[in-house]
Amino acid sequence: MKVITFGEIMMRLNPEGYLRLVQAERLEATYAGGEANVAVSLANYGVDAAFVTKVPAHEIGQMAVNALRRYGVDTSEIVRGGDRLGVFFVEKGASQRASKVIYDRANSAIALATAADFDWEKIFAGADWFHFTGITPALGGELPAICLEACKAAKKLGLTVSCDLNYRKKLWTREQANATMTELMPYVDVCISNEEDAKDVFGIEAKDTDLNTGKLSQEGYVSVARQLEERFHFKKVAFTLRGSLSASDNDWAGMLYSNGQAVFSPTYRVHIVDRVGGGDSFGGGLIYALLSGYDDQKAINFAVAASCLKHSIEHDFNLVSVSEVETLASGNASGRVQR
């Protein structure tokens, strides 16, 4: 099985440990992006995963490509060109101090890409699944049209299409997101979202839920999923459910909805090492589980266990194996030393 993901990869810069940016004398450099993170997860699970983007034809662009190759991601369809790689800065929060992300991605190579850069029929040859997120069209330029072209080509060739809504208010307005994503959603089979995205993008809100206090209503999210399915005819709708107790401790669960039925994962109380990339690790786990033929309950259990483990790993990539995820999903959450 082969999965194609499409989006931006950036350089991530963060202080060591839990230092604030204003304290830092050194910054750690790694590489990440929503769809790139999904590709790495899938490659670690043994899936043939390819990432498509555009990066500058210089050493910084090559460093990003090398980061993907290190974990077995196919980079053969990455386009070279443009002047710069996007950068984002992460300051990890702790206790009641929230994490912060600052972007420096304007005029990146992928943001200035054109439709002529991508031959989707060639890219999708032999592929089974296409994944993108709402971040990619939000970068502007020709990317909304490029995403639409990719979705049309994927459906023509019989691929399953998944999309993580991933609304980013620093990239576009709710009105812009609604207009663009409404045009893309009819091509999507599996919609992935979180507590806020459905509300921000489509104005569909879960009742009896307060994200600031960590109160989540299962019935509210079933209603949201049902409305999304009715509007766009998705085959499946998946939600991550995060009860934020503090920057350091969250309750973490998920829901998968299809054919009028919802199933929920167990809820994990996670002590967070690094939460950036948590949603992408959920998406990677879900795609792997569905490709593997898991039923809905087993699929949501695997996806949530995978993303639970990601919260214990520094930086964006979820560097876990199938066996590690299955061990947690089977109920072994003790964290005891494995000898």
C-alpha atoms as a PDB file:
ATOM      1  CA  MET A   1       0.000   0.000   0.000  1.00  0.00           C
ATOM      2  CA  LYS A   2       1.308   3.442  -0.918  1.00  0.00           C
ATOM      3  CA  VAL A   3       0.336   6.788   0.617  1.00  0.00           C
ATOM      4  CA  ILE A   4       1.075  10.227  -0.866  1.00  0.00           C
ATOM      5  CA  THR A   5       1.066  13.283   1.391  1.00  0.00           C
ATOM      6  CA  PHE A   6       1.333  16.883   0.169  1.00  0.00           C
ATOM      7  CA  GLY A   7       2.201  20.061   2.034  1.00  0.00           C
ATOM      8  CA  GLU A   8       4.952  22.229   3.483  1.00  0.00           C
ATOM      9  CA  ILE A   9       8.016  21.129   5.409  1.00  0.00           C
ATOM     10  CA  MET A  10       9.724  23.747   7.556  1.00  0.00           C
ATOM     11  CA  MET A  11      12.696  24.165   9.814  1.00  0.00           C
ATOM     12  CA  ARG A  12      11.656  24.051  13.470  1.00  0.00           C
ATOM     13  CA  LEU A  13      13.769  26.053  15.904  1.00  0.00           C
ATOM     14  CA  ASN A  14      13.265  25.731  19.647  1.00  0.00           C
ATOM     15  CA  PRO A  15      15.182  26.429  22.842  1.00  0.00           C
ATOM     16  CA  GLU A  16      16.575  23.476  24.730  1.00  0.00           C
ATOM     17  CA  GLY A  17      14.168  21.939  27.223  1.00  0.00           C
ATOM     18  CA  TYR A  18      11.629  24.366  28.616  1.00  0.00           C
ATOM     19  CA  LEU A  19      13.595  27.587  28.230  1.00  0.00           C
ATOM     20  CA  ARG A  20      11.705  30.581  26.934  1.00  0.00           C
ATOM     21  CA  LEU A  21      12.797  32.082  23.630  1.00  0.00           C
ATOM     22  CA  VAL A  22      14.019  35.240  25.362  1.00  0.00           C
ATOM     23  CA  GLN A  23      16.290  33.077  27.547  1.00  0.00           C
ATOM     24  CA  ALA A  24      17.749  30.930  24.805  1.00  0.00           C
ATOM     25  CA  GLU A  25      21.362  31.224  23.688  1.00  0.00           C
ATOM     26  CA  ARG A  26      21.059  28.159  21.431  1.00  0.00           C
ATOM     27  CA  LEU A  27      18.214  26.779  19.313  1.00  0.00           C
ATOM     28  CA  GLU A  28      17.701  23.166  18.239  1.00  0.00           C
ATOM     29  CA  ALA A  29      16.960  22.725  14.527  1.00  0.00           C
ATOM     30  CA  THR A  30      14.685  19.952  13.262  1.00  0.00           C
ATOM     31  CA  TYR A  31      12.287  19.705  10.302  1.00  0.00           C
ATOM     32  CA  ALA A  32       8.542  19.214  10.296  1.00  0.00           C
ATOM     33  CA  GLY A  33       5.194  19.935   8.701  1.00  0.00           C
ATOM     34  CA  GLY A  34       1.690  18.524   9.055  1.00  0.00           C
ATOM     35  CA  GLU A  35       1.753  16.170   6.083  1.00  0.00           C
ATOM     36  CA  ALA A  36       5.468  15.421   6.443  1.00  0.00           C
ATOM     37  CA  ASN A  37       4.811  14.296  10.015  1.00  0.00           C
ATOM     38  CA  VAL A  38       2.113  11.904   8.758  1.00  0.00           C
ATOM     39  CA  ALA A  39       4.483  10.478   6.142  1.00  0.00           C
ATOM     40  CA  VAL A  40       7.129   9.780   8.792  1.00  0.00           C
ATOM     41  CA  SER A  41       4.597   8.026  11.026  1.00  0.00           C
ATOM     42  CA  LEU A  42       3.504   5.809   8.148  1.00  0.00           C
ATOM     43  CA  ALA A  43       7.062   5.010   7.097  1.00  0.00           C
ATOM     44  CA  ASN A  44       7.838   3.951  10.671  1.00  0.00           C
ATOM     45  CA  TYR A  45       4.851   1.585  10.487  1.00  0.00           C
ATOM     46  CA  GLY A  46       6.287  -0.001   7.342  1.00  0.00           C
ATOM     47  CA  VAL A  47       3.999   1.738   4.845  1.00  0.00           C
ATOM     48  CA  ASP A  48       5.350   2.975   1.495  1.00  0.00           C
ATOM     49  CA  ALA A  49       4.924   6.699   2.194  1.00  0.00           C
ATOM     50  CA  ALA A  50       5.888   9.559  -0.113  1.00  0.00           C
ATOM     51  CA  PHE A  51       5.913  13.276   0.665  1.00  0.00           C
ATOM     52  CA  VAL A  52       5.384  15.886  -2.056  1.00  0.00           C
ATOM     53  CA  THR A  53       6.386  19.522  -1.655  1.00  0.00           C
ATOM     54  CA  LYS A  54       8.684  22.189  -3.077  1.00  0.00           C
ATOM     55  CA  VAL A  55      11.903  23.172  -1.337  1.00  0.00           C
ATOM     56  CA  PRO A  56      14.798  25.438  -2.341  1.00  0.00           C
ATOM     57  CA  ALA A  57      17.605  23.869  -4.350  1.00  0.00           C
ATOM     58  CA  HIS A  58      20.225  24.698  -1.727  1.00  0.00           C
ATOM     59  CA  GLU A  59      21.630  23.130   1.414  1.00  0.00           C
ATOM     60  CA  ILE A  60      18.770  24.174   3.727  1.00  0.00           C
ATOM     61  CA  GLY A  61      16.252  22.587   1.410  1.00  0.00           C
ATOM     62  CA  GLN A  62      18.413  19.466   1.240  1.00  0.00           C
ATOM     63  CA  MET A  63      18.547  19.271   5.028  1.00  0.00           C
ATOM     64  CA  ALA A  64      14.752  19.058   5.109  1.00  0.00           C
ATOM     65  CA  VAL A  65      14.774  16.327   2.471  1.00  0.00           C
ATOM     66  CA  ASN A  66      17.448  14.418   4.382  1.00  0.00           C
ATOM     67  CA  ALA A  67      15.348  14.539   7.560  1.00  0.00           C
ATOM     68  CA  LEU A  68      12.584  12.675   5.722  1.00  0.00           C
ATOM     69  CA  ARG A  69      14.919  10.204   4.047  1.00  0.00           C
ATOM     70  CA  ARG A  70      16.367   9.304   7.437  1.00  0.00           C
ATOM     71  CA  TYR A  71      13.059   7.676   8.347  1.00  0.00           C
ATOM     72  CA  GLY A  72      12.393   6.021   5.009  1.00  0.00           C
ATOM     73  CA  VAL A  73      10.027   8.530   3.407  1.00  0.00           C
ATOM     74  CA  ASP A  74      10.063   8.576  -0.410  1.00  0.00           C
ATOM     75  CA  THR A  75      11.210  12.058  -1.489  1.00  0.00           C
ATOM     76  CA  SER A  76      11.513  11.369  -5.215  1.00  0.00           C
ATOM     77  CA  GLU A  77       8.621  13.681  -6.182  1.00  0.00           C
ATOM     78  CA  ILE A  78       9.819  16.697  -4.187  1.00  0.00           C
ATOM     79  CA  VAL A  79      10.229  19.698  -6.487  1.00  0.00           C
ATOM     80  CA  ARG A  80      13.322  21.900  -6.165  1.00  0.00           C
ATOM     81  CA  GLY A  81      13.090  25.660  -6.566  1.00  0.00           C
ATOM     82  CA  GLY A  82      12.258  28.919  -4.847  1.00  0.00           C
ATOM     83  CA  ASP A  83      14.362  30.957  -2.461  1.00  0.00           C
ATOM     84  CA  ARG A  84      13.555  29.908   1.073  1.00  0.00           C
ATOM     85  CA  LEU A  85      12.348  27.203   3.415  1.00  0.00           C
ATOM     86  CA  GLY A  86       9.722  28.235   5.936  1.00  0.00           C
ATOM     87  CA  VAL A  87      10.755  28.450   9.598  1.00  0.00           C
ATOM     88  CA  PHE A  88       8.765  28.156  12.807  1.00  0.00           C
ATOM     89  CA  PHE A  89       9.829  28.734  16.392  1.00  0.00           C
ATOM     90  CA  VAL A  90       8.434  26.647  19.258  1.00  0.00           C
ATOM     91  CA  GLU A  91       8.499  27.601  22.913  1.00  0.00           C
ATOM     92  CA  LYS A  92       7.298  24.628  24.936  1.00  0.00           C
ATOM     93  CA  GLY A  93       4.942  25.509  27.748  1.00  0.00           C
ATOM     94  CA  ALA A  94       4.781  23.919  31.175  1.00  0.00           C
ATOM     95  CA  SER A  95       2.180  23.794  33.916  1.00  0.00           C
ATOM     96  CA  GLN A  96      -0.078  26.840  33.445  1.00  0.00           C
ATOM     97  CA  ARG A  97       2.248  28.524  30.892  1.00  0.00           C
ATOM     98  CA  ALA A  98       1.027  27.759  27.391  1.00  0.00           C
ATOM     99  CA  SER A  99       3.231  26.663  24.511  1.00  0.00           C
ATOM    100  CA  LYS A 100       3.788  29.205  21.729  1.00  0.00           C
ATOM    101  CA  VAL A 101       4.488  28.885  18.017  1.00  0.00           C
ATOM    102  CA  ILE A 102       5.826  31.759  15.901  1.00  0.00           C
ATOM    103  CA  TYR A 103       5.877  31.357  12.096  1.00  0.00           C
ATOM    104  CA  ASP A 104       8.302  32.802   9.562  1.00  0.00           C
ATOM    105  CA  ARG A 105       7.034  31.163   6.394  1.00  0.00           C
ATOM    106  CA  ALA A 106       5.961  33.977   4.039  1.00  0.00           C
ATOM    107  CA  ASN A 107       7.153  33.505   0.450  1.00  0.00           C
ATOM    108  CA  SER A 108       8.476  30.013   1.097  1.00  0.00           C
ATOM    109  CA  ALA A 109       9.173  27.773  -1.883  1.00  0.00           C
ATOM    110  CA  ILE A 110       5.923  25.828  -1.523  1.00  0.00           C
ATOM    111  CA  ALA A 111       3.840  28.976  -0.911  1.00  0.00           C
ATOM    112  CA  LEU A 112       5.004  30.288  -4.297  1.00  0.00           C
ATOM    113  CA  ALA A 113       4.583  26.956  -6.121  1.00  0.00           C
ATOM    114  CA  THR A 114       2.586  26.803  -9.349  1.00  0.00           C
ATOM    115  CA  ALA A 115       0.319  24.155 -10.784  1.00  0.00           C
ATOM    116  CA  ALA A 116       2.971  23.367 -13.389  1.00  0.00           C
ATOM    117  CA  ASP A 117       5.277  22.094 -10.617  1.00  0.00           C
ATOM    118  CA  PHE A 118       3.182  18.951 -10.001  1.00  0.00           C
ATOM    119  CA  ASP A 119       2.180  16.173 -12.376  1.00  0.00           C
ATOM    120  CA  TRP A 120      -0.464  14.499 -10.213  1.00  0.00           C
ATOM    121  CA  GLU A 121      -1.171  11.541 -12.477  1.00  0.00           C
ATOM    122  CA  LYS A 122       2.532  10.687 -12.377  1.00  0.00           C
ATOM    123  CA  ILE A 123       2.753  11.326  -8.625  1.00  0.00           C
ATOM    124  CA  PHE A 124      -0.281   9.119  -7.896  1.00  0.00           C
ATOM    125  CA  ALA A 125       0.848   6.211 -10.085  1.00  0.00           C
ATOM    126  CA  GLY A 126       0.560   3.032  -7.984  1.00  0.00           C
ATOM    127  CA  ALA A 127      -0.732   4.926  -4.936  1.00  0.00           C
ATOM    128  CA  ASP A 128      -3.713   3.965  -2.776  1.00  0.00           C
ATOM    129  CA  TRP A 129      -4.203   6.978  -0.502  1.00  0.00           C
ATOM    130  CA  PHE A 130      -3.760  10.767  -0.675  1.00  0.00           C
ATOM    131  CA  HIS A 131      -3.533  12.931   2.451  1.00  0.00           C
ATOM    132  CA  PHE A 132      -3.378  16.703   2.854  1.00  0.00           C
ATOM    133  CA  THR A 133      -4.374  19.216   5.519  1.00  0.00           C
ATOM    134  CA  GLY A 134      -6.092  22.569   5.638  1.00  0.00           C
ATOM    135  CA  ILE A 135      -2.710  24.180   6.247  1.00  0.00           C
ATOM    136  CA  THR A 136      -1.640  23.668   2.639  1.00  0.00           C
ATOM    137  CA  PRO A 137      -4.367  25.658   0.841  1.00  0.00           C
ATOM    138  CA  ALA A 138      -4.137  28.247   3.639  1.00  0.00           C
ATOM    139  CA  LEU A 139      -0.645  29.155   2.419  1.00  0.00           C
ATOM    140  CA  GLY A 140      -2.325  30.994  -0.440  1.00  0.00           C
ATOM    141  CA  GLY A 141      -1.090  31.721  -3.940  1.00  0.00           C
ATOM    142  CA  GLU A 142      -1.978  28.870  -6.288  1.00  0.00           C
ATOM    143  CA  LEU A 143      -2.147  26.274  -3.511  1.00  0.00           C
ATOM    144  CA  PRO A 144      -5.952  26.167  -3.165  1.00  0.00           C
ATOM    145  CA  ALA A 145      -6.174  25.416  -6.886  1.00  0.00           C
ATOM    146  CA  ILE A 146      -3.268  22.946  -6.691  1.00  0.00           C
ATOM    147  CA  CYS A 147      -4.973  21.076  -3.835  1.00  0.00           C
ATOM    148  CA  LEU A 148      -8.211  20.943  -5.820  1.00  0.00           C
ATOM    149  CA  GLU A 149      -6.360  19.608  -8.866  1.00  0.00           C
ATOM    150  CA  ALA A 150      -4.670  16.971  -6.691  1.00  0.00           C
ATOM    151  CA  CYS A 151      -7.984  15.899  -5.139  1.00  0.00           C
ATOM    152  CA  LYS A 152      -9.645  15.595  -8.562  1.00  0.00           C
ATOM    153  CA  ALA A 153      -6.744  13.511  -9.894  1.00  0.00           C
ATOM    154  CA  ALA A 154      -6.757  11.303  -6.793  1.00  0.00           C
ATOM    155  CA  LYS A 155     -10.481  10.572  -7.118  1.00  0.00           C
ATOM    156  CA  LYS A 156     -10.147   9.933 -10.859  1.00  0.00           C
ATOM    157  CA  LEU A 157      -7.469   7.332 -10.144  1.00  0.00           C
ATOM    158  CA  GLY A 158      -9.454   5.693  -7.344  1.00  0.00           C
ATOM    159  CA  LEU A 159      -7.377   6.790  -4.337  1.00  0.00           C
ATOM    160  CA  THR A 160      -8.874   7.250  -0.899  1.00  0.00           C
ATOM    161  CA  VAL A 161      -8.522  10.918   0.111  1.00  0.00           C
ATOM    162  CA  SER A 162      -8.120  12.117   3.694  1.00  0.00           C
ATOM    163  CA  CYS A 163      -7.904  15.661   5.007  1.00  0.00           C
ATOM    164  CA  ASP A 164      -7.114  17.039   8.451  1.00  0.00           C
ATOM    165  CA  LEU A 165      -8.949  20.375   8.680  1.00  0.00           C
ATOM    166  CA  ASN A 166      -6.105  21.893  10.746  1.00  0.00           C
ATOM    167  CA  TYR A 167      -7.412  25.474  10.861  1.00  0.00           C
ATOM    168  CA  ARG A 168      -4.617  28.008  11.477  1.00  0.00           C
ATOM    169  CA  LYS A 169      -5.877  31.495  12.288  1.00  0.00           C
ATOM    170  CA  LYS A 170      -2.431  32.972  11.612  1.00  0.00           C
ATOM    171  CA  LEU A 171      -2.700  31.872   7.961  1.00  0.00           C
ATOM    172  CA  TRP A 172      -6.255  32.794   6.944  1.00  0.00           C
ATOM    173  CA  THR A 173      -9.631  33.920   8.199  1.00  0.00           C
ATOM    174  CA  ARG A 174     -12.560  31.658   9.013  1.00  0.00           C
ATOM    175  CA  GLU A 175     -14.373  33.028   5.976  1.00  0.00           C
ATOM    176  CA  GLN A 176     -11.463  32.201   3.663  1.00  0.00           C
ATOM    177  CA  ALA A 177     -11.130  28.745   5.190  1.00  0.00           C
ATOM    178  CA  ASN A 178     -14.836  28.053   4.815  1.00  0.00           C
ATOM    179  CA  ALA A 179     -14.919  29.035   1.143  1.00  0.00           C
ATOM    180  CA  THR A 180     -11.835  27.053   0.148  1.00  0.00           C
ATOM    181  CA  MET A 181     -12.408  23.942   2.260  1.00  0.00           C
ATOM    182  CA  THR A 182     -16.058  23.742   1.192  1.00  0.00           C
ATOM    183  CA  GLU A 183     -14.836  23.379  -2.394  1.00  0.00           C
ATOM    184  CA  LEU A 184     -12.318  20.661  -1.442  1.00  0.00           C
ATOM    185  CA  MET A 185     -14.439  18.563   0.908  1.00  0.00           C
ATOM    186  CA  PRO A 186     -16.584  16.787  -1.736  1.00  0.00           C
ATOM    187  CA  TYR A 187     -13.442  14.889  -2.807  1.00  0.00           C
ATOM    188  CA  VAL A 188     -12.563  13.774   0.741  1.00  0.00           C
ATOM    189  CA  ASP A 189     -13.428  10.316   2.068  1.00  0.00           C
ATOM    190  CA  VAL A 190     -11.963  10.598   5.584  1.00  0.00           C
ATOM    191  CA  CYS A 191     -12.212  13.903   7.453  1.00  0.00           C
ATOM    192  CA  ILE A 192      -9.981  14.410  10.495  1.00  0.00           C
ATOM    193  CA  SER A 193     -10.649  17.230  12.932  1.00  0.00           C
ATOM    194  CA  ASN A 194     -10.312  18.304  16.551  1.00  0.00           C
ATOM    195  CA  GLU A 195     -12.411  20.110  19.133  1.00  0.00           C
ATOM    196  CA  GLU A 196     -12.097  23.479  17.390  1.00  0.00           C
ATOM    197  CA  ASP A 197     -11.624  22.951  13.636  1.00  0.00           C
ATOM    198  CA  ALA A 198     -15.213  22.060  12.687  1.00  0.00           C
ATOM    199  CA  LYS A 199     -16.403  25.196  14.459  1.00  0.00           C
ATOM    200  CA  ASP A 200     -13.711  27.472  13.007  1.00  0.00           C
ATOM    201  CA  VAL A 201     -14.001  26.238   9.421  1.00  0.00           C
ATOM    202  CA  PHE A 202     -17.661  25.234   9.060  1.00  0.00           C
ATOM    203  CA  GLY A 203     -19.388  26.841  12.044  1.00  0.00           C
ATOM    204  CA  ILE A 204     -20.416  23.466  13.462  1.00  0.00           C
ATOM    205  CA  GLU A 205     -19.970  23.489  17.238  1.00  0.00           C
ATOM    206  CA  ALA A 206     -20.106  20.722  19.821  1.00  0.00           C
ATOM    207  CA  LYS A 207     -22.658  21.480  22.536  1.00  0.00           C
ATOM    208  CA  ASP A 208     -21.896  21.182  26.258  1.00  0.00           C
ATOM    209  CA  THR A 209     -18.169  21.589  25.637  1.00  0.00           C
ATOM    210  CA  ASP A 210     -15.758  24.090  27.156  1.00  0.00           C
ATOM    211  CA  LEU A 211     -12.231  23.806  25.790  1.00  0.00           C
ATOM    212  CA  ASN A 212     -10.814  26.129  28.442  1.00  0.00           C
ATOM    213  CA  THR A 213     -11.912  23.887  31.287  1.00  0.00           C
ATOM    214  CA  GLY A 214     -11.327  20.595  29.502  1.00  0.00           C
ATOM    215  CA  LYS A 215     -15.032  19.669  29.498  1.00  0.00           C
ATOM    216  CA  LEU A 216     -15.912  17.541  26.442  1.00  0.00           C
ATOM    217  CA  SER A 217     -19.302  16.133  25.487  1.00  0.00           C
ATOM    218  CA  GLN A 218     -19.333  12.859  23.555  1.00  0.00           C
ATOM    219  CA  GLU A 219     -22.884  13.503  22.367  1.00  0.00           C
ATOM    220  CA  GLY A 220     -21.814  16.932  21.133  1.00  0.00           C
ATOM    221  CA  TYR A 221     -19.102  15.483  18.924  1.00  0.00           C
ATOM    222  CA  VAL A 222     -21.373  12.771  17.557  1.00  0.00           C
ATOM    223  CA  SER A 223     -23.690  15.586  16.477  1.00  0.00           C
ATOM    224  CA  VAL A 224     -20.828  17.479  14.819  1.00  0.00           C
ATOM    225  CA  ALA A 225     -19.687  14.357  12.959  1.00  0.00           C
ATOM    226  CA  ARG A 226     -23.224  13.641  11.808  1.00  0.00           C
ATOM    227  CA  GLN A 227     -23.590  17.173  10.449  1.00  0.00           C
ATOM    228  CA  LEU A 228     -20.264  16.943   8.621  1.00  0.00           C
ATOM    229  CA  GLU A 229     -21.228  13.590   7.109  1.00  0.00           C
ATOM    230  CA  GLU A 230     -24.609  14.892   5.987  1.00  0.00           C
ATOM    231  CA  ARG A 231     -23.111  17.997   4.430  1.00  0.00           C
ATOM    232  CA  PHE A 232     -20.119  16.473   2.630  1.00  0.00           C
ATOM    233  CA  HIS A 233     -20.917  12.741   2.463  1.00  0.00           C
ATOM    234  CA  PHE A 234     -17.683  11.662   4.130  1.00  0.00           C
ATOM    235  CA  LYS A 235     -17.219   7.920   4.581  1.00  0.00           C
ATOM    236  CA  LYS A 236     -15.622   8.486   7.979  1.00  0.00           C
ATOM    237  CA  VAL A 237     -15.156  11.414  10.372  1.00  0.00           C
ATOM    238  CA  ALA A 238     -12.479  11.254  13.072  1.00  0.00           C
ATOM    239  CA  PHE A 239     -11.980  13.607  16.014  1.00  0.00           C
ATOM    240  CA  THR A 240      -9.189  13.988  18.506  1.00  0.00           C
ATOM    241  CA  LEU A 241     -10.626  14.915  21.907  1.00  0.00           C
ATOM    242  CA  ARG A 242      -8.217  16.854  24.084  1.00  0.00           C
ATOM    243  CA  GLY A 243      -9.114  17.761  27.642  1.00  0.00           C
ATOM    244  CA  SER A 244      -6.500  20.394  28.461  1.00  0.00           C
ATOM    245  CA  LEU A 245      -5.838  20.337  32.211  1.00  0.00           C
ATOM    246  CA  SER A 246      -2.655  22.394  31.808  1.00  0.00           C
ATOM    247  CA  ALA A 247       0.214  22.765  29.334  1.00  0.00           C
ATOM    248  CA  SER A 248       1.832  19.746  30.979  1.00  0.00           C
ATOM    249  CA  ASP A 249      -1.110  17.390  31.463  1.00  0.00           C
ATOM    250  CA  ASN A 250      -3.969  16.557  29.101  1.00  0.00           C
ATOM    251  CA  ASP A 251      -6.677  13.949  28.784  1.00  0.00           C
ATOM    252  CA  TRP A 252      -6.450  12.483  25.300  1.00  0.00           C
ATOM    253  CA  ALA A 253      -9.007  10.418  23.386  1.00  0.00           C
ATOM    254  CA  GLY A 254     -10.647  10.128  19.993  1.00  0.00           C
ATOM    255  CA  MET A 255     -13.845   9.332  18.140  1.00  0.00           C
ATOM    256  CA  LEU A 256     -14.480   7.675  14.773  1.00  0.00           C
ATOM    257  CA  TYR A 257     -17.865   8.069  13.108  1.00  0.00           C
ATOM    258  CA  SER A 258     -19.184   6.205  10.068  1.00  0.00           C
ATOM    259  CA  ASN A 259     -22.540   4.944   8.807  1.00  0.00           C
ATOM    260  CA  GLY A 260     -24.355   6.726  11.600  1.00  0.00           C
ATOM    261  CA  GLN A 261     -22.365   5.043  14.363  1.00  0.00           C
ATOM    262  CA  ALA A 262     -19.670   6.510  16.624  1.00  0.00           C
ATOM    263  CA  VAL A 263     -16.988   4.642  18.544  1.00  0.00           C
ATOM    264  CA  PHE A 264     -14.715   6.164  21.182  1.00  0.00           C
ATOM    265  CA  SER A 265     -11.213   5.222  22.274  1.00  0.00           C
ATOM    266  CA  PRO A 266     -10.086   4.879  25.871  1.00  0.00           C
ATOM    267  CA  THR A 267      -9.011   8.172  27.443  1.00  0.00           C
ATOM    268  CA  TYR A 268      -5.349   8.557  28.361  1.00  0.00           C
ATOM    269  CA  ARG A 269      -4.009  11.065  30.848  1.00  0.00           C
ATOM    270  CA  VAL A 270      -0.770  12.196  29.243  1.00  0.00           C
ATOM    271  CA  HIS A 271       2.118  14.085  30.804  1.00  0.00           C
ATOM    272  CA  ILE A 272       3.433  16.088  27.886  1.00  0.00           C
ATOM    273  CA  VAL A 273       7.024  16.172  26.714  1.00  0.00           C
ATOM    274  CA  ASP A 274       6.174  17.818  23.353  1.00  0.00           C
ATOM    275  CA  ARG A 275       2.642  18.131  22.001  1.00  0.00           C
ATOM    276  CA  VAL A 276       3.470  19.706  18.614  1.00  0.00           C
ATOM    277  CA  GLY A 277       2.637  17.146  15.951  1.00  0.00           C
ATOM    278  CA  GLY A 278       0.157  15.310  18.174  1.00  0.00           C
ATOM    279  CA  GLY A 279      -2.714  15.672  15.716  1.00  0.00           C
ATOM    280  CA  ASP A 280      -0.542  14.544  12.815  1.00  0.00           C
ATOM    281  CA  SER A 281       0.450  11.414  14.718  1.00  0.00           C
ATOM    282  CA  PHE A 282      -3.264  10.679  15.161  1.00  0.00           C
ATOM    283  CA  GLY A 283      -3.785  11.061  11.419  1.00  0.00           C
ATOM    284  CA  GLY A 284      -0.853   8.789  10.622  1.00  0.00           C
ATOM    285  CA  GLY A 285      -2.110   6.148  13.021  1.00  0.00           C
ATOM    286  CA  LEU A 286      -5.638   6.335  11.635  1.00  0.00           C
ATOM    287  CA  ILE A 287      -4.505   6.013   8.014  1.00  0.00           C
ATOM    288  CA  TYR A 288      -2.336   3.014   8.903  1.00  0.00           C
ATOM    289  CA  ALA A 289      -5.188   1.339  10.768  1.00  0.00           C
ATOM    290  CA  LEU A 290      -7.728   1.872   7.977  1.00  0.00           C
ATOM    291  CA  LEU A 291      -5.267   0.700   5.315  1.00  0.00           C
ATOM    292  CA  SER A 292      -4.680  -2.386   7.439  1.00  0.00           C
ATOM    293  CA  GLY A 293      -8.368  -3.223   7.427  1.00  0.00           C
ATOM    294  CA  TYR A 294      -8.999  -2.574  11.124  1.00  0.00           C
ATOM    295  CA  ASP A 295     -12.622  -2.181  12.171  1.00  0.00           C
ATOM    296  CA  ASP A 296     -13.625   1.247  13.478  1.00  0.00           C
ATOM    297  CA  GLN A 297     -13.072   0.450  17.159  1.00  0.00           C
ATOM    298  CA  LYS A 298      -9.628  -1.031  16.602  1.00  0.00           C
ATOM    299  CA  ALA A 299      -8.735   1.813  14.225  1.00  0.00           C
ATOM    300  CA  ILE A 300      -9.591   4.614  16.672  1.00  0.00           C
ATOM    301  CA  ASN A 301      -7.845   2.753  19.503  1.00  0.00           C
ATOM    302  CA  PHE A 302      -4.683   2.464  17.414  1.00  0.00           C
ATOM    303  CA  ALA A 303      -4.767   6.118  16.268  1.00  0.00           C
ATOM    304  CA  VAL A 304      -5.244   7.475  19.791  1.00  0.00           C
ATOM    305  CA  ALA A 305      -2.595   5.183  21.294  1.00  0.00           C
ATOM    306  CA  ALA A 306      -0.154   6.302  18.578  1.00  0.00           C
ATOM    307  CA  SER A 307      -0.783   9.968  19.291  1.00  0.00           C
ATOM    308  CA  CYS A 308      -0.685   9.381  23.037  1.00  0.00           C
ATOM    309  CA  LEU A 309       2.861   8.052  22.624  1.00  0.00           C
ATOM    310  CA  LYS A 310       3.808  11.029  20.425  1.00  0.00           C
ATOM    311  CA  HIS A 311       3.248  13.376  23.366  1.00  0.00           C
ATOM    312  CA  SER A 312       6.227  11.691  25.050  1.00  0.00           C
ATOM    313  CA  ILE A 313       8.618  12.363  22.129  1.00  0.00           C
ATOM    314  CA  GLU A 314      10.644  15.511  21.480  1.00  0.00           C
ATOM    315  CA  HIS A 315       9.971  17.388  18.220  1.00  0.00           C
ATOM    316  CA  ASP A 316       7.247  16.736  15.654  1.00  0.00           C
ATOM    317  CA  PHE A 317       7.899  13.254  14.267  1.00  0.00           C
ATOM    318  CA  ASN A 318       6.204  10.288  15.960  1.00  0.00           C
ATOM    319  CA  LEU A 319       9.044   7.799  16.175  1.00  0.00           C
ATOM    320  CA  VAL A 320       7.186   4.712  17.365  1.00  0.00           C
ATOM    321  CA  SER A 321       6.637   1.234  15.955  1.00  0.00           C
ATOM    322  CA  VAL A 322       3.437  -0.691  15.335  1.00  0.00           C
ATOM    323  CA  SER A 323       4.255  -3.049  18.193  1.00  0.00           C
ATOM    324  CA  GLU A 324       4.720  -0.161  20.645  1.00  0.00           C
ATOM    325  CA  VAL A 325       1.354   1.301  19.645  1.00  0.00           C
ATOM    326  CA  GLU A 326      -0.396  -2.060  19.842  1.00  0.00           C
ATOM    327  CA  THR A 327       1.062  -2.689  23.296  1.00  0.00           C
ATOM    328  CA  LEU A 328      -0.472   0.536  24.586  1.00  0.00           C
ATOM    329  CA  ALA A 329      -3.738   0.009  22.703  1.00  0.00           C
ATOM    330  CA  SER A 330      -4.057  -3.436  24.287  1.00  0.00           C
ATOM    331  CA  GLY A 331      -4.112  -1.829  27.734  1.00  0.00           C
ATOM    332  CA  ASN A 332      -0.469  -1.859  28.829  1.00  0.00           C
ATOM    333  CA  ALA A 333      -0.019   1.769  29.868  1.00  0.00           C
ATOM    334  CA  SER A 334       2.317   1.160  32.796  1.00  0.00           C
ATOM    335  CA  GLY A 335       5.410   2.603  31.115  1.00  0.00           C
ATOM    336  CA  ARG A 336       7.568  -0.028  32.825  1.00  0.00           C
ATOM    337  CA  VAL A 337      11.092  -0.578  31.510  1.00  0.00           C
ATOM    338  CA  GLN A 338      11.164  -3.103  28.653  1.00  0.00           C
ATOM    339  CA  ARG A 339      14.032  -5.562  29.148  1.00  0.00           C
END
